[in-house]
Amino acid sequence: MPFEEELLAFLKGNRRLLLVGIGSSVRKDDAAGVRVISRLRGKVPKVVGLMNCGTIPENFFSSIKKLAPSYMVFFDAVDMGEEPGFFTFVDENALVAQSVSTHKQSLKIFFNVLRGGLPTAQIRLVGIQPKTTDFGIGLSAPVDKGLRALTEIIINALKERDHEDH
């Protein structure tokens, strides 16, 4: 199923959505996840929560639990062996106890902890293929282009979701 259709299917009918960015703004394309969130600010309905967790999402557990979202989509740079800027939902079953992202803490473990605190929450991870995670500021051109496409898809999906709800 194409990414747009999978996103729409996931978003359909949910009311408490939280979009979460993960990444380091000083490691070039590792900032992809947090850049998605910054690019969505002011462009999505106010009922959609936006959170930038930087490189330590586990420090935001209590804030996320307090918001009690029913649906969460996390965005992170993930080395999937694809072309830089490629993005897709990452199958959580493919996540290993060790991190597949560029961070030390495993997202699989973090998602399990979140589910312990929010047992009915639906959680998905959108991986964005980095070109480089070397120290430095700014995204590579292919990752920037991928993020422009991704944020446009998200904005349109949320508009379509809201249109279907009314």
N, C-alpha and C. Protein backbone atom coordinates (compact mmCIF):
# COMPACT_ATOMS: atom_id res chain seq x y z
N MET A 1 0.85 -1.17 0.00
CA MET A 1 0.00 0.00 0.00
C MET A 1 0.90 1.24 0.00
N PRO A 2 0.61 2.22 -0.87
CA PRO A 2 1.41 3.45 -0.90
C PRO A 2 1.36 4.17 0.46
N PHE A 3 2.42 4.91 0.76
CA PHE A 3 2.54 5.59 2.05
C PHE A 3 1.31 6.46 2.34
N GLU A 4 0.86 7.24 1.37
CA GLU A 4 -0.28 8.15 1.57
C GLU A 4 -1.51 7.37 2.02
N GLU A 5 -1.78 6.25 1.37
CA GLU A 5 -2.96 5.44 1.73
C GLU A 5 -2.80 4.84 3.11
N GLU A 6 -1.61 4.37 3.43
CA GLU A 6 -1.37 3.79 4.75
C GLU A 6 -1.54 4.84 5.84
N LEU A 7 -1.06 6.06 5.59
CA LEU A 7 -1.21 7.14 6.55
C LEU A 7 -2.69 7.48 6.74
N LEU A 8 -3.42 7.62 5.66
CA LEU A 8 -4.86 7.93 5.76
C LEU A 8 -5.61 6.85 6.52
N ALA A 9 -5.30 5.60 6.24
CA ALA A 9 -5.96 4.50 6.94
C ALA A 9 -5.66 4.56 8.44
N PHE A 10 -4.43 4.89 8.80
CA PHE A 10 -4.05 4.98 10.20
C PHE A 10 -4.77 6.14 10.89
N LEU A 11 -4.87 7.27 10.20
CA LEU A 11 -5.46 8.48 10.79
C LEU A 11 -6.98 8.47 10.85
N LYS A 12 -7.61 7.64 10.05
CA LYS A 12 -9.06 7.66 9.91
C LYS A 12 -9.77 7.50 11.25
N GLY A 13 -10.57 8.51 11.58
CA GLY A 13 -11.42 8.43 12.75
C GLY A 13 -10.77 8.74 14.08
N ASN A 14 -9.46 8.92 14.13
CA ASN A 14 -8.86 9.21 15.44
C ASN A 14 -9.03 10.68 15.77
N ARG A 15 -9.12 10.99 17.04
CA ARG A 15 -9.29 12.38 17.45
C ARG A 15 -8.12 12.90 18.27
N ARG A 16 -7.38 12.04 18.94
CA ARG A 16 -6.29 12.50 19.78
C ARG A 16 -4.98 12.04 19.17
N LEU A 17 -4.50 12.81 18.23
CA LEU A 17 -3.30 12.48 17.48
C LEU A 17 -2.12 13.29 17.99
N LEU A 18 -0.99 12.60 18.18
CA LEU A 18 0.25 13.26 18.56
C LEU A 18 1.31 12.88 17.54
N LEU A 19 1.94 13.90 16.95
CA LEU A 19 3.05 13.70 16.02
C LEU A 19 4.34 14.07 16.75
N VAL A 20 5.31 13.16 16.74
CA VAL A 20 6.50 13.31 17.56
C VAL A 20 7.77 13.22 16.70
N GLY A 21 8.62 14.21 16.81
CA GLY A 21 9.89 14.21 16.11
C GLY A 21 11.03 13.83 17.02
N ILE A 22 11.93 13.01 16.49
CA ILE A 22 13.12 12.56 17.23
C ILE A 22 14.34 12.88 16.38
N GLY A 23 15.41 13.35 17.01
CA GLY A 23 16.64 13.58 16.27
C GLY A 23 17.49 14.67 16.85
N SER A 24 18.70 14.77 16.33
CA SER A 24 19.67 15.76 16.78
C SER A 24 19.88 16.81 15.70
N SER A 25 19.66 18.06 16.08
CA SER A 25 19.82 19.15 15.11
C SER A 25 21.28 19.47 14.82
N VAL A 26 22.23 18.82 15.51
CA VAL A 26 23.65 19.07 15.25
C VAL A 26 24.31 17.90 14.53
N ARG A 27 23.49 16.98 14.00
CA ARG A 27 24.04 15.84 13.26
C ARG A 27 23.37 15.73 11.89
N LYS A 28 23.41 16.81 11.16
CA LYS A 28 22.90 16.89 9.79
C LYS A 28 21.55 16.18 9.63
N ASP A 29 21.48 15.10 8.85
CA ASP A 29 20.20 14.48 8.52
C ASP A 29 19.52 13.78 9.70
N ASP A 30 20.24 13.62 10.80
CA ASP A 30 19.61 13.07 12.00
C ASP A 30 18.48 13.98 12.48
N ALA A 31 18.51 15.23 12.06
CA ALA A 31 17.49 16.21 12.44
C ALA A 31 16.18 16.01 11.68
N ALA A 32 16.12 15.06 10.77
CA ALA A 32 14.93 14.90 9.92
C ALA A 32 13.64 14.80 10.72
N GLY A 33 13.63 14.00 11.76
CA GLY A 33 12.40 13.81 12.55
C GLY A 33 11.92 15.08 13.22
N VAL A 34 12.86 15.83 13.82
CA VAL A 34 12.46 17.07 14.49
C VAL A 34 12.11 18.15 13.47
N ARG A 35 12.72 18.10 12.31
CA ARG A 35 12.39 19.07 11.25
C ARG A 35 10.97 18.86 10.71
N VAL A 36 10.52 17.60 10.67
CA VAL A 36 9.13 17.35 10.25
C VAL A 36 8.20 18.14 11.16
N ILE A 37 8.42 18.04 12.46
CA ILE A 37 7.55 18.71 13.43
C ILE A 37 7.62 20.23 13.26
N SER A 38 8.81 20.78 13.12
CA SER A 38 8.92 22.24 12.97
C SER A 38 8.24 22.71 11.68
N ARG A 39 8.29 21.91 10.64
CA ARG A 39 7.66 22.30 9.37
C ARG A 39 6.14 22.17 9.42
N LEU A 40 5.62 21.39 10.35
CA LEU A 40 4.16 21.22 10.48
C LEU A 40 3.52 22.28 11.36
N ARG A 41 4.31 22.96 12.19
CA ARG A 41 3.75 23.96 13.11
C ARG A 41 3.00 25.03 12.32
N GLY A 42 1.76 25.27 12.76
CA GLY A 42 0.91 26.27 12.13
C GLY A 42 0.26 25.79 10.84
N LYS A 43 0.50 24.54 10.43
CA LYS A 43 -0.04 24.04 9.17
C LYS A 43 -0.97 22.85 9.35
N VAL A 44 -1.15 22.42 10.61
CA VAL A 44 -2.04 21.30 10.90
C VAL A 44 -3.10 21.79 11.87
N PRO A 45 -4.24 21.11 11.95
CA PRO A 45 -5.29 21.53 12.90
C PRO A 45 -4.74 21.61 14.33
N LYS A 46 -5.25 22.57 15.09
CA LYS A 46 -4.77 22.78 16.46
C LYS A 46 -5.01 21.58 17.36
N VAL A 47 -5.94 20.71 17.01
CA VAL A 47 -6.21 19.53 17.84
C VAL A 47 -5.12 18.47 17.69
N VAL A 48 -4.26 18.62 16.69
CA VAL A 48 -3.15 17.68 16.49
C VAL A 48 -1.97 18.15 17.33
N GLY A 49 -1.51 17.28 18.23
CA GLY A 49 -0.37 17.60 19.06
C GLY A 49 0.93 17.44 18.29
N LEU A 50 1.86 18.35 18.51
CA LEU A 50 3.19 18.29 17.90
C LEU A 50 4.22 18.34 19.02
N MET A 51 5.17 17.42 19.01
CA MET A 51 6.18 17.36 20.06
C MET A 51 7.54 17.06 19.47
N ASN A 52 8.52 17.85 19.89
CA ASN A 52 9.91 17.63 19.50
C ASN A 52 10.61 17.02 20.70
N CYS A 53 11.02 15.76 20.59
CA CYS A 53 11.67 15.06 21.70
C CYS A 53 13.18 15.05 21.60
N GLY A 54 13.75 15.68 20.58
CA GLY A 54 15.19 15.68 20.45
C GLY A 54 15.74 14.26 20.41
N THR A 55 16.86 14.05 21.07
CA THR A 55 17.52 12.74 21.00
C THR A 55 17.15 11.82 22.14
N ILE A 56 16.31 12.29 23.08
CA ILE A 56 15.99 11.47 24.24
C ILE A 56 14.47 11.40 24.43
N PRO A 57 13.77 10.68 23.57
CA PRO A 57 12.30 10.65 23.67
C PRO A 57 11.80 10.10 25.00
N GLU A 58 12.58 9.22 25.64
CA GLU A 58 12.13 8.64 26.90
C GLU A 58 11.96 9.70 28.00
N ASN A 59 12.64 10.85 27.87
CA ASN A 59 12.47 11.92 28.84
C ASN A 59 11.10 12.60 28.72
N PHE A 60 10.38 12.32 27.65
CA PHE A 60 9.07 12.93 27.41
C PHE A 60 7.92 11.99 27.73
N PHE A 61 8.23 10.85 28.33
CA PHE A 61 7.20 9.85 28.62
C PHE A 61 6.05 10.43 29.44
N SER A 62 6.35 11.14 30.53
CA SER A 62 5.28 11.67 31.38
C SER A 62 4.45 12.73 30.63
N SER A 63 5.10 13.55 29.80
CA SER A 63 4.36 14.55 29.01
C SER A 63 3.43 13.88 28.01
N ILE A 64 3.93 12.83 27.37
CA ILE A 64 3.10 12.10 26.40
C ILE A 64 1.94 11.43 27.12
N LYS A 65 2.22 10.79 28.24
CA LYS A 65 1.17 10.11 29.00
C LYS A 65 0.10 11.09 29.46
N LYS A 66 0.51 12.28 29.87
CA LYS A 66 -0.43 13.31 30.32
C LYS A 66 -1.36 13.74 29.18
N LEU A 67 -0.82 13.82 27.96
CA LEU A 67 -1.65 14.18 26.80
C LEU A 67 -2.63 13.07 26.43
N ALA A 68 -2.30 11.84 26.78
CA ALA A 68 -3.14 10.67 26.53
C ALA A 68 -3.60 10.55 25.06
N PRO A 69 -2.67 10.60 24.12
CA PRO A 69 -3.09 10.47 22.72
C PRO A 69 -3.54 9.04 22.44
N SER A 70 -4.50 8.92 21.52
CA SER A 70 -4.95 7.58 21.12
C SER A 70 -4.11 7.09 19.94
N TYR A 71 -3.52 8.02 19.19
CA TYR A 71 -2.68 7.69 18.04
C TYR A 71 -1.43 8.54 18.10
N MET A 72 -0.28 7.90 17.83
CA MET A 72 0.99 8.62 17.80
C MET A 72 1.76 8.20 16.56
N VAL A 73 2.35 9.18 15.90
CA VAL A 73 3.25 8.90 14.79
C VAL A 73 4.58 9.56 15.14
N PHE A 74 5.62 8.73 15.20
CA PHE A 74 6.97 9.19 15.47
C PHE A 74 7.72 9.31 14.15
N PHE A 75 8.58 10.31 14.06
CA PHE A 75 9.41 10.55 12.88
C PHE A 75 10.86 10.54 13.32
N ASP A 76 11.69 9.76 12.61
CA ASP A 76 13.09 9.65 12.99
C ASP A 76 13.92 9.25 11.78
N ALA A 77 15.19 9.67 11.79
CA ALA A 77 16.14 9.21 10.77
C ALA A 77 16.43 7.75 11.06
N VAL A 78 16.24 6.92 10.06
CA VAL A 78 16.45 5.47 10.22
C VAL A 78 17.22 4.98 9.01
N ASP A 79 18.32 4.29 9.25
CA ASP A 79 19.09 3.73 8.15
C ASP A 79 18.42 2.45 7.68
N MET A 80 17.77 2.53 6.53
CA MET A 80 17.03 1.41 5.96
C MET A 80 17.70 0.87 4.71
N GLY A 81 18.84 1.46 4.35
CA GLY A 81 19.52 1.04 3.14
C GLY A 81 18.85 1.54 1.88
N GLU A 82 18.07 2.61 1.99
CA GLU A 82 17.36 3.19 0.84
C GLU A 82 18.08 4.45 0.37
N GLU A 83 17.51 5.08 -0.65
CA GLU A 83 18.05 6.35 -1.14
C GLU A 83 17.80 7.44 -0.10
N PRO A 84 18.74 8.36 0.11
CA PRO A 84 18.51 9.44 1.06
C PRO A 84 17.24 10.22 0.73
N GLY A 85 16.46 10.50 1.78
CA GLY A 85 15.20 11.22 1.62
C GLY A 85 14.00 10.30 1.52
N PHE A 86 14.23 9.00 1.29
CA PHE A 86 13.14 8.02 1.25
C PHE A 86 12.50 7.95 2.63
N PHE A 87 11.17 7.82 2.68
CA PHE A 87 10.48 7.68 3.96
C PHE A 87 9.38 6.63 3.83
N THR A 88 9.13 5.96 4.93
CA THR A 88 8.10 4.92 4.96
C THR A 88 7.78 4.59 6.41
N PHE A 89 6.66 3.90 6.59
CA PHE A 89 6.38 3.35 7.91
C PHE A 89 7.36 2.20 8.14
N VAL A 90 7.93 2.16 9.32
CA VAL A 90 8.86 1.09 9.68
C VAL A 90 8.06 0.06 10.46
N ASP A 91 8.13 -1.18 10.02
CA ASP A 91 7.43 -2.27 10.70
C ASP A 91 8.03 -2.43 12.09
N GLU A 92 7.21 -2.24 13.09
CA GLU A 92 7.72 -2.32 14.46
C GLU A 92 8.28 -3.69 14.79
N ASN A 93 7.75 -4.73 14.17
CA ASN A 93 8.27 -6.08 14.40
C ASN A 93 9.70 -6.21 13.88
N ALA A 94 10.09 -5.34 12.96
CA ALA A 94 11.45 -5.37 12.42
C ALA A 94 12.43 -4.63 13.33
N LEU A 95 11.88 -3.82 14.25
CA LEU A 95 12.75 -3.13 15.19
C LEU A 95 13.33 -4.16 16.15
N VAL A 96 14.58 -4.02 16.43
CA VAL A 96 15.23 -4.94 17.36
C VAL A 96 15.44 -4.22 18.68
N ALA A 97 15.81 -4.96 19.68
CA ALA A 97 16.04 -4.35 20.99
C ALA A 97 17.16 -3.31 20.91
N GLN A 98 18.06 -3.48 19.93
CA GLN A 98 19.06 -2.45 19.70
C GLN A 98 18.46 -1.44 18.75
N SER A 99 19.00 -0.27 18.74
CA SER A 99 18.44 0.82 17.96
C SER A 99 18.72 0.66 16.47
N VAL A 100 17.67 0.87 15.64
CA VAL A 100 17.88 0.95 14.19
C VAL A 100 17.96 2.40 13.77
N SER A 101 17.63 3.28 14.69
CA SER A 101 17.75 4.69 14.38
C SER A 101 19.16 5.12 14.77
N THR A 102 19.38 6.40 14.76
CA THR A 102 20.72 6.90 15.05
C THR A 102 20.92 7.19 16.53
N HIS A 103 20.00 6.75 17.37
CA HIS A 103 20.07 7.06 18.80
C HIS A 103 20.44 5.83 19.61
N LYS A 104 20.88 6.07 20.81
CA LYS A 104 21.33 4.97 21.67
C LYS A 104 20.15 4.14 22.17
N GLN A 105 19.09 4.79 22.61
CA GLN A 105 17.93 4.09 23.16
C GLN A 105 17.12 3.44 22.04
N SER A 106 16.76 2.20 22.23
CA SER A 106 15.95 1.50 21.25
C SER A 106 14.52 2.05 21.25
N LEU A 107 14.01 2.36 20.07
CA LEU A 107 12.63 2.81 19.97
C LEU A 107 11.67 1.69 20.29
N LYS A 108 12.04 0.45 20.02
CA LYS A 108 11.17 -0.68 20.36
C LYS A 108 10.94 -0.73 21.87
N ILE A 109 11.99 -0.56 22.64
CA ILE A 109 11.84 -0.55 24.10
C ILE A 109 10.99 0.65 24.53
N PHE A 110 11.27 1.82 23.96
CA PHE A 110 10.49 3.01 24.30
C PHE A 110 9.01 2.82 23.97
N PHE A 111 8.71 2.27 22.80
CA PHE A 111 7.31 2.03 22.42
C PHE A 111 6.65 1.05 23.39
N ASN A 112 7.38 0.04 23.84
CA ASN A 112 6.83 -0.91 24.81
C ASN A 112 6.51 -0.21 26.14
N VAL A 113 7.37 0.70 26.57
CA VAL A 113 7.12 1.47 27.78
C VAL A 113 5.89 2.35 27.59
N LEU A 114 5.79 3.01 26.44
CA LEU A 114 4.62 3.84 26.15
C LEU A 114 3.34 3.02 26.20
N ARG A 115 3.38 1.84 25.63
CA ARG A 115 2.18 0.98 25.64
C ARG A 115 1.81 0.54 27.05
N GLY A 116 2.82 0.41 27.91
CA GLY A 116 2.52 0.09 29.30
C GLY A 116 1.73 1.20 29.98
N GLY A 117 2.06 2.45 29.65
CA GLY A 117 1.37 3.60 30.23
C GLY A 117 0.12 4.00 29.48
N LEU A 118 0.06 3.68 28.19
CA LEU A 118 -1.08 4.02 27.34
C LEU A 118 -1.45 2.77 26.54
N PRO A 119 -2.06 1.77 27.20
CA PRO A 119 -2.24 0.46 26.57
C PRO A 119 -3.10 0.43 25.31
N THR A 120 -3.98 1.41 25.12
CA THR A 120 -4.83 1.39 23.92
C THR A 120 -4.28 2.26 22.79
N ALA A 121 -3.18 2.95 23.04
CA ALA A 121 -2.62 3.86 22.02
C ALA A 121 -2.07 3.08 20.83
N GLN A 122 -2.29 3.63 19.66
CA GLN A 122 -1.73 3.09 18.42
C GLN A 122 -0.47 3.89 18.11
N ILE A 123 0.63 3.19 17.86
CA ILE A 123 1.92 3.85 17.64
C ILE A 123 2.51 3.39 16.32
N ARG A 124 2.97 4.37 15.54
CA ARG A 124 3.66 4.07 14.27
C ARG A 124 4.93 4.90 14.19
N LEU A 125 5.90 4.36 13.47
CA LEU A 125 7.16 5.05 13.25
C LEU A 125 7.35 5.28 11.76
N VAL A 126 7.62 6.53 11.39
CA VAL A 126 7.98 6.86 10.01
C VAL A 126 9.49 7.05 10.00
N GLY A 127 10.17 6.20 9.27
CA GLY A 127 11.61 6.31 9.12
C GLY A 127 11.96 7.14 7.91
N ILE A 128 12.95 7.99 8.06
CA ILE A 128 13.44 8.84 6.97
C ILE A 128 14.91 8.47 6.75
N GLN A 129 15.23 8.05 5.54
CA GLN A 129 16.60 7.61 5.24
C GLN A 129 17.55 8.81 5.21
N PRO A 130 18.54 8.84 6.11
CA PRO A 130 19.52 9.93 6.07
C PRO A 130 20.59 9.68 5.01
N LYS A 131 21.21 10.76 4.58
CA LYS A 131 22.40 10.65 3.73
C LYS A 131 23.63 10.62 4.63
N THR A 132 23.63 11.50 5.63
CA THR A 132 24.75 11.56 6.57
C THR A 132 24.24 12.00 7.93
N THR A 133 24.83 11.43 8.97
CA THR A 133 24.53 11.88 10.34
C THR A 133 25.80 12.40 11.00
N ASP A 134 26.75 12.85 10.16
CA ASP A 134 27.96 13.47 10.68
C ASP A 134 27.59 14.75 11.42
N PHE A 135 28.48 15.20 12.29
CA PHE A 135 28.23 16.46 12.98
C PHE A 135 28.18 17.59 11.96
N GLY A 136 27.22 18.48 12.17
CA GLY A 136 27.04 19.63 11.29
C GLY A 136 25.59 20.07 11.34
N ILE A 137 25.35 21.24 10.81
CA ILE A 137 24.02 21.83 10.80
C ILE A 137 23.47 21.80 9.39
N GLY A 138 22.19 21.49 9.26
CA GLY A 138 21.52 21.53 7.97
C GLY A 138 21.35 20.15 7.37
N LEU A 139 20.24 19.99 6.66
CA LEU A 139 19.91 18.73 6.01
C LEU A 139 20.58 18.65 4.64
N SER A 140 20.87 17.43 4.21
CA SER A 140 21.35 17.24 2.84
C SER A 140 20.20 17.54 1.88
N ALA A 141 20.51 17.85 0.64
CA ALA A 141 19.49 18.20 -0.35
C ALA A 141 18.46 17.09 -0.54
N PRO A 142 18.86 15.80 -0.67
CA PRO A 142 17.83 14.77 -0.88
C PRO A 142 16.92 14.56 0.34
N VAL A 143 17.45 14.73 1.53
CA VAL A 143 16.61 14.57 2.73
C VAL A 143 15.67 15.76 2.85
N ASP A 144 16.15 16.97 2.56
CA ASP A 144 15.29 18.15 2.57
C ASP A 144 14.14 17.98 1.58
N LYS A 145 14.45 17.48 0.40
CA LYS A 145 13.42 17.25 -0.63
C LYS A 145 12.41 16.19 -0.14
N GLY A 146 12.90 15.13 0.47
CA GLY A 146 12.01 14.10 1.01
C GLY A 146 11.10 14.66 2.09
N LEU A 147 11.63 15.52 2.96
CA LEU A 147 10.83 16.11 4.03
C LEU A 147 9.77 17.05 3.49
N ARG A 148 10.09 17.77 2.42
CA ARG A 148 9.06 18.63 1.81
C ARG A 148 7.89 17.77 1.33
N ALA A 149 8.20 16.65 0.69
CA ALA A 149 7.13 15.75 0.21
C ALA A 149 6.37 15.14 1.39
N LEU A 150 7.09 14.71 2.40
CA LEU A 150 6.46 14.08 3.56
C LEU A 150 5.53 15.04 4.29
N THR A 151 5.98 16.27 4.54
CA THR A 151 5.12 17.22 5.26
C THR A 151 3.89 17.58 4.43
N GLU A 152 4.03 17.66 3.13
CA GLU A 152 2.87 17.93 2.27
C GLU A 152 1.87 16.78 2.36
N ILE A 153 2.34 15.55 2.35
CA ILE A 153 1.47 14.38 2.48
C ILE A 153 0.73 14.41 3.81
N ILE A 154 1.44 14.73 4.90
CA ILE A 154 0.81 14.77 6.22
C ILE A 154 -0.26 15.84 6.28
N ILE A 155 0.06 17.04 5.80
CA ILE A 155 -0.90 18.15 5.82
C ILE A 155 -2.15 17.76 5.03
N ASN A 156 -1.97 17.21 3.83
CA ASN A 156 -3.12 16.81 3.00
C ASN A 156 -3.91 15.68 3.64
N ALA A 157 -3.23 14.72 4.27
CA ALA A 157 -3.93 13.61 4.92
C ALA A 157 -4.77 14.11 6.09
N LEU A 158 -4.25 15.06 6.84
CA LEU A 158 -5.02 15.60 7.97
C LEU A 158 -6.21 16.41 7.48
N LYS A 159 -6.06 17.14 6.37
CA LYS A 159 -7.20 17.86 5.79
C LYS A 159 -8.26 16.88 5.32
N GLU A 160 -7.83 15.81 4.66
CA GLU A 160 -8.77 14.80 4.17
C GLU A 160 -9.47 14.11 5.33
N ARG A 161 -8.71 13.79 6.38
CA ARG A 161 -9.29 13.15 7.56
C ARG A 161 -10.36 14.05 8.17
N ASP A 162 -10.04 15.35 8.33
CA ASP A 162 -11.00 16.28 8.93
C ASP A 162 -12.22 16.46 8.03
N HIS A 163 -12.01 16.46 6.71
CA HIS A 163 -13.12 16.58 5.76
C HIS A 163 -14.06 15.38 5.89
N GLU A 164 -13.49 14.16 6.01
CA GLU A 164 -14.30 12.96 6.14
C GLU A 164 -15.07 12.92 7.46
N ASP A 165 -14.50 13.54 8.51
CA ASP A 165 -15.15 13.53 9.82
C ASP A 165 -16.36 14.44 9.88
N HIS A 166 -16.46 15.40 8.93
CA HIS A 166 -17.58 16.36 8.98
C HIS A 166 -18.64 16.02 7.99
